[in-house]
Protein backbone atom coordinates (compact mmCIF):
# COMPACT_ATOMS: atom_id res chain seq x y z
CA MET A 1 0.00 0.00 0.00
CA THR A 2 2.90 2.33 0.72
CA SER A 3 4.39 1.98 -2.74
CA GLN A 4 0.97 2.49 -4.36
CA GLY A 5 0.40 5.70 -2.38
CA THR A 6 3.84 6.94 -3.33
CA ARG A 7 3.22 6.36 -7.05
CA GLU A 8 -0.04 8.30 -6.91
CA ARG A 9 1.50 11.31 -5.23
CA GLU A 10 1.63 14.47 -7.33
CA SER A 11 4.76 16.54 -7.69
CA LEU A 12 4.61 19.93 -6.01
CA ALA A 13 6.65 21.39 -8.88
CA THR A 14 4.07 20.13 -11.41
CA VAL A 15 1.19 21.70 -9.49
CA LEU A 16 2.86 25.05 -8.87
CA GLY A 17 4.74 25.47 -12.13
CA GLY A 18 5.76 29.14 -12.41
CA ARG A 19 9.07 28.81 -14.26
CA LYS A 20 8.02 30.96 -17.20
CA GLY A 21 6.61 33.68 -14.96
CA ALA A 22 9.73 33.76 -12.79
CA VAL A 23 12.02 34.01 -15.82
CA ASP A 24 9.87 36.75 -17.37
CA ALA A 25 9.93 38.74 -14.12
CA SER A 26 13.73 38.89 -14.12
CA LEU A 27 14.02 40.46 -17.58
CA PRO A 28 12.87 44.08 -16.94
CA PRO A 29 15.25 44.58 -13.95
CA LEU A 30 18.09 43.18 -16.02
CA ALA A 31 17.15 45.56 -18.85
CA PHE A 32 17.17 48.46 -16.38
CA VAL A 33 20.71 47.70 -15.27
CA LEU A 34 21.94 47.23 -18.85
CA GLY A 35 20.25 50.44 -20.01
CA TRP A 36 21.70 52.32 -17.05
CA LEU A 37 25.20 51.06 -17.82
CA ILE A 38 25.11 51.59 -21.59
CA ALA A 39 23.71 55.13 -21.27
CA GLY A 40 26.34 56.25 -18.79
CA ASN A 41 24.45 55.72 -15.52
CA SER A 42 21.22 57.25 -16.83
CA ILE A 43 18.16 56.34 -14.75
CA ALA A 44 15.89 57.62 -17.52
CA TRP A 45 17.40 55.31 -20.14
CA GLY A 46 17.44 52.42 -17.69
CA SER A 47 13.76 53.02 -16.94
CA ALA A 48 12.90 53.21 -20.63
CA ALA A 49 14.72 49.93 -21.28
CA ALA A 50 12.93 48.22 -18.38
CA ILE A 51 9.47 49.44 -19.43
CA ALA A 52 10.08 48.54 -23.09
CA THR A 53 11.20 45.06 -22.06
CA ALA A 54 8.16 44.68 -19.79
CA VAL A 55 5.87 45.61 -22.70
CA VAL A 56 7.51 43.05 -25.00
CA VAL A 57 7.33 40.38 -22.30
CA GLY A 58 3.69 41.29 -21.66
CA VAL A 59 2.76 40.92 -25.31
CA PHE A 60 4.57 37.57 -25.45
CA ARG A 61 2.71 36.39 -22.33
CA LEU A 62 -0.66 37.41 -23.83
CA VAL A 63 0.14 35.52 -27.01
CA ARG A 64 0.95 32.35 -25.09
CA GLY A 65 -2.36 32.62 -23.21
CA ASP A 66 -1.58 34.32 -19.89
CA LYS A 67 -4.33 36.35 -18.24
CA ALA A 68 -4.43 40.02 -19.21
CA ARG A 69 -4.84 41.11 -15.58
CA ALA A 70 -1.61 39.39 -14.53
CA VAL A 71 0.23 40.99 -17.45
CA VAL A 72 -1.09 44.45 -16.57
CA VAL A 73 -0.09 44.04 -12.92
CA SER A 74 3.44 43.00 -13.91
CA LEU A 75 3.79 45.94 -16.29
CA ALA A 76 2.43 48.35 -13.67
CA ALA A 77 4.97 47.11 -11.12
CA VAL A 78 7.84 47.86 -13.53
CA ILE A 79 6.46 51.33 -14.30
CA VAL A 80 6.06 52.15 -10.60
CA ALA A 81 9.59 50.91 -9.87
CA ALA A 82 10.93 53.14 -12.66
CA LEU A 83 8.99 56.16 -11.39
CA ILE A 84 10.36 55.66 -7.88
CA ALA A 85 13.93 55.60 -9.17
CA LEU A 86 13.31 58.67 -11.33
CA HIS A 87 11.73 60.53 -8.42
CA THR A 88 14.48 59.77 -5.89
CA GLY A 89 17.33 60.05 -8.38
CA ARG A 90 18.83 56.83 -7.02
CA ALA A 91 19.12 53.96 -9.48
CA GLN A 92 19.02 51.32 -6.74
CA ASP A 93 15.51 52.45 -5.79
CA PHE A 94 14.25 50.66 -8.90
CA PHE A 95 14.59 47.56 -6.71
CA LEU A 96 12.90 49.10 -3.64
CA ILE A 97 9.48 47.57 -4.36
CA GLN A 98 11.11 44.17 -4.78
CA LEU A 99 12.90 44.54 -1.46
CA LEU A 100 9.77 45.63 0.41
CA SER A 101 7.63 42.90 -1.17
CA ASN A 102 10.09 40.23 -0.04
CA ILE A 103 10.05 41.60 3.51
CA ALA A 104 6.24 41.52 3.49
CA SER A 105 6.16 38.03 1.96
CA ALA A 106 8.56 36.60 4.55
CA LEU A 107 6.39 37.95 7.37
CA LEU A 108 3.14 36.86 5.72
CA TRP A 109 4.26 33.27 5.08
CA ALA A 110 5.58 32.93 8.63
CA ALA A 111 2.41 34.44 10.11
CA SER A 112 0.26 32.05 8.07
CA VAL A 113 1.92 29.14 9.85
CA VAL A 114 1.37 30.73 13.27
CA VAL A 115 -2.38 31.15 12.64
CA ARG A 116 -2.59 27.61 11.18
CA TRP A 117 -3.44 28.75 7.66
CA PRO A 118 -0.15 27.90 5.90
CA LEU A 119 -0.08 29.71 2.58
CA LEU A 120 1.35 26.78 0.66
CA GLY A 121 -1.73 24.80 1.56
CA VAL A 122 -3.99 27.68 0.57
CA VAL A 123 -2.31 28.02 -2.83
CA VAL A 124 -2.14 24.29 -3.62
CA GLY A 125 -5.68 23.76 -2.33
CA LEU A 126 -7.01 26.37 -4.76
CA LEU A 127 -4.98 24.98 -7.67
CA LEU A 128 -6.25 21.44 -7.02
CA GLY A 129 -9.85 22.59 -6.51
CA GLN A 130 -9.88 21.48 -2.86
CA LYS A 131 -10.22 25.04 -1.57
CA THR A 132 -9.74 24.80 2.23
CA ARG A 133 -10.88 21.20 2.75
CA TRP A 134 -7.23 20.14 3.23
CA ARG A 135 -7.35 21.74 6.70
CA ARG A 136 -9.55 18.87 7.88
CA ASP A 137 -6.54 16.57 7.47
CA PRO A 138 -4.14 17.02 10.45
CA ASP A 139 -1.30 15.40 8.49
CA LEU A 140 -1.69 17.80 5.58
CA LEU A 141 -2.02 20.80 7.89
CA ARG A 142 1.20 19.89 9.67
CA ALA A 143 3.03 19.16 6.41
CA TYR A 144 1.92 22.37 4.73
CA SER A 145 2.95 24.34 7.83
CA ARG A 146 6.50 23.00 7.80
CA ALA A 147 6.81 23.39 4.03
CA SER A 148 5.52 26.97 4.18
CA LEU A 149 8.40 27.90 6.47
CA THR A 150 10.72 26.99 3.61
CA TRP A 151 9.03 29.66 1.49
CA SER A 152 9.42 32.21 4.27
CA CYS A 153 13.14 31.41 4.36
CA GLN A 154 13.31 32.01 0.60
CA TYR A 155 12.09 35.58 1.04
CA LEU A 156 14.35 36.14 4.04
CA LEU A 157 17.35 35.07 1.97
CA ARG A 158 16.46 37.59 -0.73
CA VAL A 159 16.10 40.34 1.87
CA ALA A 160 19.48 39.41 3.39
CA VAL A 161 21.09 39.78 -0.05
CA TYR A 162 19.11 42.72 -1.46
CA LEU A 163 19.15 44.98 1.60
CA PRO A 164 22.92 45.61 1.92
CA LEU A 165 23.28 45.92 -1.86
CA TRP A 166 20.43 48.42 -2.04
CA TRP A 167 21.73 50.34 0.98
CA THR A 168 25.19 50.72 -0.55
CA GLY A 169 23.89 51.44 -4.06
CA GLN A 170 25.41 48.38 -5.73
CA LEU A 171 23.15 48.43 -8.79
CA VAL A 172 24.97 45.89 -10.95
CA ALA A 173 25.18 43.46 -8.04
CA LEU A 174 21.48 44.03 -7.39
CA GLY A 175 20.67 43.16 -10.98
CA ILE A 176 22.73 39.98 -10.81
CA ALA A 177 21.21 39.01 -7.46
CA ARG A 178 17.71 39.70 -8.77
CA THR A 179 18.33 37.32 -11.66
CA VAL A 180 19.99 34.56 -9.63
CA LEU A 181 17.45 34.74 -6.81
CA THR A 182 14.40 34.60 -9.06
CA TRP A 183 13.86 31.33 -10.96
CA PRO A 184 16.82 29.33 -9.60
CA LEU A 185 15.92 30.09 -5.97
CA GLN A 186 12.23 29.52 -6.63
CA ALA A 187 12.97 26.14 -8.21
CA LEU A 188 15.11 25.20 -5.22
CA THR A 189 12.39 26.34 -2.82
CA ILE A 190 9.75 24.26 -4.59
CA ALA A 191 12.02 21.22 -4.50
CA VAL A 192 12.95 21.61 -0.82
CA SER A 193 9.41 22.43 0.31
CA GLY A 194 8.12 19.40 -1.61
CA TRP A 195 10.71 17.21 0.12
CA VAL A 196 9.76 18.64 3.53
CA LEU A 197 6.06 18.15 2.83
CA TYR A 198 6.36 14.50 1.79
CA ARG A 199 8.90 13.80 4.51
CA THR A 200 6.33 15.02 7.05
CA LEU A 201 3.38 13.06 5.64
CA PRO A 202 2.84 9.39 6.59
CA ASP A 203 3.98 6.89 3.96
CA ASP A 204 0.41 5.84 3.16
CA HIS A 205 -0.85 9.39 2.64
CA PRO A 206 -1.92 10.24 -0.95
CA GLY A 207 0.11 13.44 -0.90
CA LEU A 208 -1.18 16.88 -1.80
CA ARG A 209 -4.80 15.82 -1.80
CA LEU A 210 -7.14 15.16 1.11
CA LYS A 211 -7.50 11.52 2.13
CA GLU A 212 -10.59 9.88 0.72
CA PRO A 213 -13.02 8.41 3.30
CA GLU A 214 -12.19 4.83 2.29
CA GLN A 215 -8.47 5.53 2.70
CA GLU A 216 -9.04 6.88 6.21
CA GLU A 217 -11.03 3.75 7.14
CA GLN A 218 -8.27 1.45 5.83
CA ALA A 219 -5.64 3.44 7.75
């Protein structure tokens, strides 16, 4: 029964996906840094390069079937980041929203575990159509709580890297860190959180989904 349950378990990476979105999100910041460098440390040219790249990425995402609202939100975030940098006159402030969002995300994911509504469970439950029914399973609740802490650590790591670079105005290093800590770190987080989740669950548990009544009776 253990081997059968293991074969039926779904991969967390398959359910969450997100590789394309994470890669796309790293392109406008990279364009900002390149534009800033090529134009002789010009925030205006860096901003123009970032916004132009965001528009191209947005069009590409629409063509491949992404939701228009998500594309608009992503484009708006780049525009706001550019406006902040232009207003303050500090190129590193293009990354200020990213820094603040990671601080907020780290706190939010940790708080979700404290109040027993781990965000990983909320997200996966919605994607699998289970909504919040997974909370009725103590094993899943415990597993999602431990795995959610991995996601909180992901955001804390970004803050630990971004904050000193932003504070000292290391724009090129910020751009490199933003790229490295986007998709590669997200992929690692998904892999580690999936390992933590399945390590926490009993061997006969079906995995990401709530136990069916007949499975609970057999257990």
